[in-house]
Amino acid sequence: MRYEIRVGDELGGFVQYHRQGGVIDLVHTEIEPAFEGQGLGGRLAAATLDDLRRRGLAVVPTCPFIRGYIERHPDYADLVVADDPVGD
């Protein structure tokens, strides 16, 4: 399953995830080459994490991009499962 960001009718990028109960493992983020450098990755990460917060789900940030985003935006750290180092 995945979250997507679109630019007009085109797919700009996606975050792929796996769900197990109330925990979402964010495994991979990809921005299409034509849209790199336009801030879509950050917008996609924020929208994904905001949606997961609204839904009351916990996060495992396996994806290095999402993990780095959370490290740079610690207001999302509360979403990370307690035994993950980013959640400490």
PDB file of N, CA and C in Angstrom:
ATOM      1  N   MET A   1       0.849  -1.158   0.000  1.00  0.00           N
ATOM      2  CA  MET A   1       0.000   0.000   0.000  1.00  0.00           C
ATOM      3  C   MET A   1       0.903   1.231   0.000  1.00  0.00           C
ATOM      4  N   ARG A   2       0.340   2.370  -0.392  1.00  0.00           N
ATOM      5  CA  ARG A   2       1.177   3.553  -0.444  1.00  0.00           C
ATOM      6  C   ARG A   2       0.363   4.845  -0.409  1.00  0.00           C
ATOM      7  N   TYR A   3       1.060   5.883   0.009  1.00  0.00           N
ATOM      8  CA  TYR A   3       0.574   7.252  -0.111  1.00  0.00           C
ATOM      9  C   TYR A   3       1.193   7.816  -1.379  1.00  0.00           C
ATOM     10  N   GLU A   4       0.460   8.659  -2.075  1.00  0.00           N
ATOM     11  CA  GLU A   4       0.969   9.261  -3.308  1.00  0.00           C
ATOM     12  C   GLU A   4       0.841  10.774  -3.257  1.00  0.00           C
ATOM     13  N   ILE A   5       1.729  11.436  -4.000  1.00  0.00           N
ATOM     14  CA  ILE A   5       1.606  12.867  -4.239  1.00  0.00           C
ATOM     15  C   ILE A   5       1.554  13.046  -5.751  1.00  0.00           C
ATOM     16  N   ARG A   6       0.632  13.892  -6.190  1.00  0.00           N
ATOM     17  CA  ARG A   6       0.445  14.103  -7.619  1.00  0.00           C
ATOM     18  C   ARG A   6       0.713  15.554  -7.972  1.00  0.00           C
ATOM     19  N   VAL A   7       1.221  15.749  -9.165  1.00  0.00           N
ATOM     20  CA  VAL A   7       1.438  17.075  -9.739  1.00  0.00           C
ATOM     21  C   VAL A   7       0.572  17.110 -10.993  1.00  0.00           C
ATOM     22  N   GLY A   8      -0.557  17.795 -10.892  1.00  0.00           N
ATOM     23  CA  GLY A   8      -1.530  17.716 -11.982  1.00  0.00           C
ATOM     24  C   GLY A   8      -2.025  16.286 -12.086  1.00  0.00           C
ATOM     25  N   ASP A   9      -1.933  15.727 -13.274  1.00  0.00           N
ATOM     26  CA  ASP A   9      -2.358  14.350 -13.490  1.00  0.00           C
ATOM     27  C   ASP A   9      -1.222  13.348 -13.334  1.00  0.00           C
ATOM     28  N   GLU A  10      -0.013  13.828 -13.044  1.00  0.00           N
ATOM     29  CA  GLU A  10       1.154  12.947 -12.983  1.00  0.00           C
ATOM     30  C   GLU A  10       1.494  12.544 -11.557  1.00  0.00           C
ATOM     31  N   LEU A  11       1.963  11.316 -11.409  1.00  0.00           N
ATOM     32  CA  LEU A  11       2.460  10.841 -10.128  1.00  0.00           C
ATOM     33  C   LEU A  11       3.797  11.513  -9.852  1.00  0.00           C
ATOM     34  N   GLY A  12       3.869  12.249  -8.751  1.00  0.00           N
ATOM     35  CA  GLY A  12       5.113  12.921  -8.385  1.00  0.00           C
ATOM     36  C   GLY A  12       5.984  12.072  -7.488  1.00  0.00           C
ATOM     37  N   GLY A  13       5.365  11.189  -6.719  1.00  0.00           N
ATOM     38  CA  GLY A  13       6.120  10.330  -5.814  1.00  0.00           C
ATOM     39  C   GLY A  13       5.183   9.549  -4.919  1.00  0.00           C
ATOM     40  N   PHE A  14       5.790   8.705  -4.065  1.00  0.00           N
ATOM     41  CA  PHE A  14       4.994   7.868  -3.179  1.00  0.00           C
ATOM     42  C   PHE A  14       5.793   7.448  -1.953  1.00  0.00           C
ATOM     43  N   VAL A  15       5.067   7.090  -0.907  1.00  0.00           N
ATOM     44  CA  VAL A  15       5.618   6.438   0.279  1.00  0.00           C
ATOM     45  C   VAL A  15       4.946   5.079   0.355  1.00  0.00           C
ATOM     46  N   GLN A  16       5.749   4.036   0.295  1.00  0.00           N
ATOM     47  CA  GLN A  16       5.228   2.671   0.387  1.00  0.00           C
ATOM     48  C   GLN A  16       5.238   2.248   1.854  1.00  0.00           C
ATOM     49  N   TYR A  17       4.189   1.538   2.275  1.00  0.00           N
ATOM     50  CA  TYR A  17       4.122   1.106   3.665  1.00  0.00           C
ATOM     51  C   TYR A  17       3.479  -0.267   3.796  1.00  0.00           C
ATOM     52  N   HIS A  18       3.715  -0.861   4.968  1.00  0.00           N
ATOM     53  CA  HIS A  18       3.067  -2.107   5.357  1.00  0.00           C
ATOM     54  C   HIS A  18       2.387  -1.847   6.694  1.00  0.00           C
ATOM     55  N   ARG A  19       1.192  -2.364   6.845  1.00  0.00           N
ATOM     56  CA  ARG A  19       0.453  -2.181   8.097  1.00  0.00           C
ATOM     57  C   ARG A  19       0.320  -3.504   8.819  1.00  0.00           C
ATOM     58  N   GLN A  20       0.561  -3.451  10.130  1.00  0.00           N
ATOM     59  CA  GLN A  20       0.311  -4.607  10.976  1.00  0.00           C
ATOM     60  C   GLN A  20      -0.385  -4.095  12.228  1.00  0.00           C
ATOM     61  N   GLY A  21      -1.676  -4.312  12.291  1.00  0.00           N
ATOM     62  CA  GLY A  21      -2.468  -3.786  13.397  1.00  0.00           C
ATOM     63  C   GLY A  21      -2.461  -2.271  13.375  1.00  0.00           C
ATOM     64  N   GLY A  22      -2.097  -1.676  14.502  1.00  0.00           N
ATOM     65  CA  GLY A  22      -2.067  -0.233  14.616  1.00  0.00           C
ATOM     66  C   GLY A  22      -0.717   0.382  14.329  1.00  0.00           C
ATOM     67  N   VAL A  23       0.165  -0.392  13.683  1.00  0.00           N
ATOM     68  CA  VAL A  23       1.520   0.091  13.387  1.00  0.00           C
ATOM     69  C   VAL A  23       1.739   0.099  11.880  1.00  0.00           C
ATOM     70  N   ILE A  24       2.261   1.227  11.398  1.00  0.00           N
ATOM     71  CA  ILE A  24       2.570   1.391   9.978  1.00  0.00           C
ATOM     72  C   ILE A  24       4.079   1.429   9.807  1.00  0.00           C
ATOM     73  N   ASP A  25       4.609   0.525   9.013  1.00  0.00           N
ATOM     74  CA  ASP A  25       6.035   0.509   8.680  1.00  0.00           C
ATOM     75  C   ASP A  25       6.206   1.247   7.354  1.00  0.00           C
ATOM     76  N   LEU A  26       6.781   2.448   7.437  1.00  0.00           N
ATOM     77  CA  LEU A  26       7.036   3.250   6.234  1.00  0.00           C
ATOM     78  C   LEU A  26       8.360   2.770   5.648  1.00  0.00           C
ATOM     79  N   VAL A  27       8.294   2.040   4.548  1.00  0.00           N
ATOM     80  CA  VAL A  27       9.460   1.304   4.061  1.00  0.00           C
ATOM     81  C   VAL A  27      10.219   1.973   2.928  1.00  0.00           C
ATOM     82  N   HIS A  28       9.571   2.828   2.132  1.00  0.00           N
ATOM     83  CA  HIS A  28      10.274   3.376   0.970  1.00  0.00           C
ATOM     84  C   HIS A  28       9.583   4.647   0.487  1.00  0.00           C
ATOM     85  N   THR A  29      10.389   5.661   0.202  1.00  0.00           N
ATOM     86  CA  THR A  29       9.881   6.899  -0.389  1.00  0.00           C
ATOM     87  C   THR A  29      10.594   7.115  -1.705  1.00  0.00           C
ATOM     88  N   GLU A  30       9.834   7.496  -2.711  1.00  0.00           N
ATOM     89  CA  GLU A  30      10.428   7.746  -4.023  1.00  0.00           C
ATOM     90  C   GLU A  30       9.750   8.951  -4.670  1.00  0.00           C
ATOM     91  N   ILE A  31      10.565   9.866  -5.164  1.00  0.00           N
ATOM     92  CA  ILE A  31      10.070  11.012  -5.926  1.00  0.00           C
ATOM     93  C   ILE A  31      10.520  10.808  -7.366  1.00  0.00           C
ATOM     94  N   GLU A  32       9.597  10.994  -8.292  1.00  0.00           N
ATOM     95  CA  GLU A  32       9.938  10.831  -9.705  1.00  0.00           C
ATOM     96  C   GLU A  32      11.022  11.842 -10.085  1.00  0.00           C
ATOM     97  N   PRO A  33      11.998  11.418 -10.898  1.00  0.00           N
ATOM     98  CA  PRO A  33      13.117  12.297 -11.253  1.00  0.00           C
ATOM     99  C   PRO A  33      12.702  13.674 -11.789  1.00  0.00           C
ATOM    100  N   ALA A  34      11.631  13.738 -12.543  1.00  0.00           N
ATOM    101  CA  ALA A  34      11.192  15.019 -13.109  1.00  0.00           C
ATOM    102  C   ALA A  34      10.759  16.012 -12.034  1.00  0.00           C
ATOM    103  N   PHE A  35      10.484  15.518 -10.815  1.00  0.00           N
ATOM    104  CA  PHE A  35       9.977  16.384  -9.752  1.00  0.00           C
ATOM    105  C   PHE A  35      10.948  16.532  -8.582  1.00  0.00           C
ATOM    106  N   GLU A  36      12.142  15.969  -8.704  1.00  0.00           N
ATOM    107  CA  GLU A  36      13.119  16.094  -7.625  1.00  0.00           C
ATOM    108  C   GLU A  36      13.531  17.548  -7.439  1.00  0.00           C
ATOM    109  N   GLY A  37      13.863  17.894  -6.205  1.00  0.00           N
ATOM    110  CA  GLY A  37      14.330  19.238  -5.901  1.00  0.00           C
ATOM    111  C   GLY A  37      13.231  20.280  -5.792  1.00  0.00           C
ATOM    112  N   GLN A  38      11.976  19.847  -5.757  1.00  0.00           N
ATOM    113  CA  GLN A  38      10.857  20.782  -5.691  1.00  0.00           C
ATOM    114  C   GLN A  38      10.137  20.734  -4.335  1.00  0.00           C
ATOM    115  N   GLY A  39      10.710  20.001  -3.381  1.00  0.00           N
ATOM    116  CA  GLY A  39      10.106  19.920  -2.055  1.00  0.00           C
ATOM    117  C   GLY A  39       8.975  18.923  -1.923  1.00  0.00           C
ATOM    118  N   LEU A  40       8.760  18.106  -2.953  1.00  0.00           N
ATOM    119  CA  LEU A  40       7.651  17.149  -2.885  1.00  0.00           C
ATOM    120  C   LEU A  40       7.878  16.090  -1.809  1.00  0.00           C
ATOM    121  N   GLY A  41       9.125  15.682  -1.617  1.00  0.00           N
ATOM    122  CA  GLY A  41       9.413  14.655  -0.613  1.00  0.00           C
ATOM    123  C   GLY A  41       9.000  15.103   0.774  1.00  0.00           C
ATOM    124  N   GLY A  42       9.342  16.324   1.139  1.00  0.00           N
ATOM    125  CA  GLY A  42       8.974  16.855   2.442  1.00  0.00           C
ATOM    126  C   GLY A  42       7.465  17.014   2.584  1.00  0.00           C
ATOM    127  N   ARG A  43       6.825  17.500   1.543  1.00  0.00           N
ATOM    128  CA  ARG A  43       5.358  17.639   1.580  1.00  0.00           C
ATOM    129  C   ARG A  43       4.683  16.284   1.719  1.00  0.00           C
ATOM    130  N   LEU A  44       5.211  15.294   1.006  1.00  0.00           N
ATOM    131  CA  LEU A  44       4.653  13.947   1.068  1.00  0.00           C
ATOM    132  C   LEU A  44       4.869  13.337   2.450  1.00  0.00           C
ATOM    133  N   ALA A  45       6.068  13.496   3.001  1.00  0.00           N
ATOM    134  CA  ALA A  45       6.352  12.960   4.336  1.00  0.00           C
ATOM    135  C   ALA A  45       5.429  13.589   5.370  1.00  0.00           C
ATOM    136  N   ALA A  46       5.292  14.906   5.342  1.00  0.00           N
ATOM    137  CA  ALA A  46       4.438  15.598   6.313  1.00  0.00           C
ATOM    138  C   ALA A  46       2.983  15.160   6.174  1.00  0.00           C
ATOM    139  N   ALA A  47       2.484  15.082   4.951  1.00  0.00           N
ATOM    140  CA  ALA A  47       1.094  14.679   4.741  1.00  0.00           C
ATOM    141  C   ALA A  47       0.859  13.245   5.215  1.00  0.00           C
ATOM    142  N   THR A  48       1.810  12.368   4.956  1.00  0.00           N
ATOM    143  CA  THR A  48       1.706  10.973   5.396  1.00  0.00           C
ATOM    144  C   THR A  48       1.659  10.909   6.916  1.00  0.00           C
ATOM    145  N   LEU A  49       2.606  11.570   7.566  1.00  0.00           N
ATOM    146  CA  LEU A  49       2.673  11.530   9.029  1.00  0.00           C
ATOM    147  C   LEU A  49       1.462  12.214   9.658  1.00  0.00           C
ATOM    148  N   ASP A  50       0.991  13.298   9.061  1.00  0.00           N
ATOM    149  CA  ASP A  50      -0.206  13.961   9.574  1.00  0.00           C
ATOM    150  C   ASP A  50      -1.421  13.037   9.489  1.00  0.00           C
ATOM    151  N   ASP A  51      -1.549  12.316   8.379  1.00  0.00           N
ATOM    152  CA  ASP A  51      -2.667  11.392   8.230  1.00  0.00           C
ATOM    153  C   ASP A  51      -2.584  10.263   9.251  1.00  0.00           C
ATOM    154  N   LEU A  52      -1.397   9.723   9.453  1.00  0.00           N
ATOM    155  CA  LEU A  52      -1.237   8.634  10.417  1.00  0.00           C
ATOM    156  C   LEU A  52      -1.550   9.119  11.827  1.00  0.00           C
ATOM    157  N   ARG A  53      -1.160  10.352  12.149  1.00  0.00           N
ATOM    158  CA  ARG A  53      -1.496  10.930  13.464  1.00  0.00           C
ATOM    159  C   ARG A  53      -3.018  11.044  13.615  1.00  0.00           C
ATOM    160  N   ARG A  54      -3.687  11.564  12.607  1.00  0.00           N
ATOM    161  CA  ARG A  54      -5.157  11.701  12.660  1.00  0.00           C
ATOM    162  C   ARG A  54      -5.834  10.349  12.878  1.00  0.00           C
ATOM    163  N   ARG A  55      -5.249   9.315  12.298  1.00  0.00           N
ATOM    164  CA  ARG A  55      -5.828   7.974  12.394  1.00  0.00           C
ATOM    165  C   ARG A  55      -5.400   7.237  13.660  1.00  0.00           C
ATOM    166  N   GLY A  56      -4.513   7.835  14.468  1.00  0.00           N
ATOM    167  CA  GLY A  56      -4.090   7.228  15.729  1.00  0.00           C
ATOM    168  C   GLY A  56      -3.176   6.033  15.558  1.00  0.00           C
ATOM    169  N   LEU A  57      -2.389   6.018  14.472  1.00  0.00           N
ATOM    170  CA  LEU A  57      -1.502   4.895  14.198  1.00  0.00           C
ATOM    171  C   LEU A  57      -0.062   5.229  14.582  1.00  0.00           C
ATOM    172  N   ALA A  58       0.686   4.214  14.967  1.00  0.00           N
ATOM    173  CA  ALA A  58       2.101   4.360  15.298  1.00  0.00           C
ATOM    174  C   ALA A  58       2.937   4.092  14.045  1.00  0.00           C
ATOM    175  N   VAL A  59       4.187   4.570  14.075  1.00  0.00           N
ATOM    176  CA  VAL A  59       5.053   4.521  12.893  1.00  0.00           C
ATOM    177  C   VAL A  59       6.363   3.811  13.200  1.00  0.00           C
ATOM    178  N   VAL A  60       6.785   2.988  12.257  1.00  0.00           N
ATOM    179  CA  VAL A  60       8.148   2.465  12.219  1.00  0.00           C
ATOM    180  C   VAL A  60       8.769   3.081  10.966  1.00  0.00           C
ATOM    181  N   PRO A  61       9.718   4.013  11.127  1.00  0.00           N
ATOM    182  CA  PRO A  61      10.303   4.683   9.961  1.00  0.00           C
ATOM    183  C   PRO A  61      11.493   3.909   9.380  1.00  0.00           C
ATOM    184  N   THR A  62      11.208   2.790   8.732  1.00  0.00           N
ATOM    185  CA  THR A  62      12.263   1.999   8.106  1.00  0.00           C
ATOM    186  C   THR A  62      12.927   2.770   6.969  1.00  0.00           C
ATOM    187  N   CYS A  63      12.154   3.532   6.230  1.00  0.00           N
ATOM    188  CA  CYS A  63      12.669   4.321   5.108  1.00  0.00           C
ATOM    189  C   CYS A  63      13.636   5.395   5.620  1.00  0.00           C
ATOM    190  N   PRO A  64      14.851   5.442   5.085  1.00  0.00           N
ATOM    191  CA  PRO A  64      15.820   6.456   5.526  1.00  0.00           C
ATOM    192  C   PRO A  64      15.335   7.893   5.325  1.00  0.00           C
ATOM    193  N   PHE A  65      14.601   8.160   4.270  1.00  0.00           N
ATOM    194  CA  PHE A  65      14.100   9.518   4.048  1.00  0.00           C
ATOM    195  C   PHE A  65      13.112   9.918   5.143  1.00  0.00           C
ATOM    196  N   ILE A  66      12.166   9.039   5.448  1.00  0.00           N
ATOM    197  CA  ILE A  66      11.173   9.331   6.487  1.00  0.00           C
ATOM    198  C   ILE A  66      11.852   9.429   7.846  1.00  0.00           C
ATOM    199  N   ARG A  67      12.797   8.545   8.118  1.00  0.00           N
ATOM    200  CA  ARG A  67      13.535   8.590   9.386  1.00  0.00           C
ATOM    201  C   ARG A  67      14.244   9.938   9.523  1.00  0.00           C
ATOM    202  N   GLY A  68      14.917  10.377   8.479  1.00  0.00           N
ATOM    203  CA  GLY A  68      15.602  11.663   8.509  1.00  0.00           C
ATOM    204  C   GLY A  68      14.633  12.820   8.659  1.00  0.00           C
ATOM    205  N   TYR A  69      13.481  12.721   8.016  1.00  0.00           N
ATOM    206  CA  TYR A  69      12.475  13.773   8.118  1.00  0.00           C
ATOM    207  C   TYR A  69      12.006  13.904   9.566  1.00  0.00           C
ATOM    208  N   ILE A  70      11.760  12.784  10.217  1.00  0.00           N
ATOM    209  CA  ILE A  70      11.325  12.816  11.617  1.00  0.00           C
ATOM    210  C   ILE A  70      12.430  13.381  12.502  1.00  0.00           C
ATOM    211  N   GLU A  71      13.675  13.029  12.239  1.00  0.00           N
ATOM    212  CA  GLU A  71      14.783  13.567  13.027  1.00  0.00           C
ATOM    213  C   GLU A  71      14.865  15.085  12.879  1.00  0.00           C
ATOM    214  N   ARG A  72      14.591  15.607  11.689  1.00  0.00           N
ATOM    215  CA  ARG A  72      14.634  17.059  11.453  1.00  0.00           C
ATOM    216  C   ARG A  72      13.359  17.769  11.911  1.00  0.00           C
ATOM    217  N   HIS A  73      12.289  17.006  12.118  1.00  0.00           N
ATOM    218  CA  HIS A  73      11.003  17.560  12.556  1.00  0.00           C
ATOM    219  C   HIS A  73      10.532  16.757  13.774  1.00  0.00           C
ATOM    220  N   PRO A  74      11.139  17.005  14.931  1.00  0.00           N
ATOM    221  CA  PRO A  74      10.870  16.175  16.111  1.00  0.00           C
ATOM    222  C   PRO A  74       9.429  16.216  16.617  1.00  0.00           C
ATOM    223  N   ASP A  75       8.615  17.131  16.096  1.00  0.00           N
ATOM    224  CA  ASP A  75       7.201  17.134  16.487  1.00  0.00           C
ATOM    225  C   ASP A  75       6.481  15.873  16.010  1.00  0.00           C
ATOM    226  N   TYR A  76       7.118  15.090  15.128  1.00  0.00           N
ATOM    227  CA  TYR A  76       6.541  13.820  14.686  1.00  0.00           C
ATOM    228  C   TYR A  76       7.092  12.629  15.463  1.00  0.00           C
ATOM    229  N   ALA A  77       8.063  12.844  16.345  1.00  0.00           N
ATOM    230  CA  ALA A  77       8.709  11.743  17.065  1.00  0.00           C
ATOM    231  C   ALA A  77       7.722  10.954  17.925  1.00  0.00           C
ATOM    232  N   ASP A  78       6.657  11.602  18.377  1.00  0.00           N
ATOM    233  CA  ASP A  78       5.682  10.899  19.210  1.00  0.00           C
ATOM    234  C   ASP A  78       4.941   9.799  18.450  1.00  0.00           C
ATOM    235  N   LEU A  79       5.009   9.813  17.131  1.00  0.00           N
ATOM    236  CA  LEU A  79       4.343   8.784  16.332  1.00  0.00           C
ATOM    237  C   LEU A  79       5.156   7.490  16.263  1.00  0.00           C
ATOM    238  N   VAL A  80       6.452   7.594  16.518  1.00  0.00           N
ATOM    239  CA  VAL A  80       7.359   6.452  16.355  1.00  0.00           C
ATOM    240  C   VAL A  80       7.184   5.483  17.517  1.00  0.00           C
ATOM    241  N   VAL A  81       7.141   4.185  17.192  1.00  0.00           N
ATOM    242  CA  VAL A  81       6.984   3.173  18.236  1.00  0.00           C
ATOM    243  C   VAL A  81       8.071   3.331  19.287  1.00  0.00           C
ATOM    244  N   ALA A  82       7.737   3.070  20.522  1.00  0.00           N
ATOM    245  CA  ALA A  82       8.605   3.378  21.652  1.00  0.00           C
ATOM    246  C   ALA A  82       9.974   2.703  21.602  1.00  0.00           C
ATOM    247  N   ASP A  83      10.087   1.526  21.026  1.00  0.00           N
ATOM    248  CA  ASP A  83      11.386   0.833  21.043  1.00  0.00           C
ATOM    249  C   ASP A  83      12.265   1.193  19.845  1.00  0.00           C
ATOM    250  N   ASP A  84      11.866   2.166  19.045  1.00  0.00           N
ATOM    251  CA  ASP A  84      12.672   2.634  17.919  1.00  0.00           C
ATOM    252  C   ASP A  84      13.512   3.815  18.392  1.00  0.00           C
ATOM    253  N   PRO A  85      14.812   3.855  18.053  1.00  0.00           N
ATOM    254  CA  PRO A  85      15.674   4.932  18.527  1.00  0.00           C
ATOM    255  C   PRO A  85      15.196   6.340  18.163  1.00  0.00           C
ATOM    256  N   VAL A  86      14.502   6.518  17.042  1.00  0.00           N
ATOM    257  CA  VAL A  86      14.011   7.847  16.675  1.00  0.00           C
ATOM    258  C   VAL A  86      12.934   8.279  17.663  1.00  0.00           C
ATOM    259  N   GLY A  87      12.241   7.325  18.263  1.00  0.00           N
ATOM    260  CA  GLY A  87      11.172   7.635  19.197  1.00  0.00           C
ATOM    261  C   GLY A  87      11.663   7.981  20.588  1.00  0.00           C
ATOM    262  N   ASP A  88      12.941   7.811  20.847  1.00  0.00           N
ATOM    263  CA  ASP A  88      13.495   8.104  22.180  1.00  0.00           C
ATOM    264  C   ASP A  88      13.675   9.590  22.418  1.00  0.00           C
TER     265      ASP A  88
END
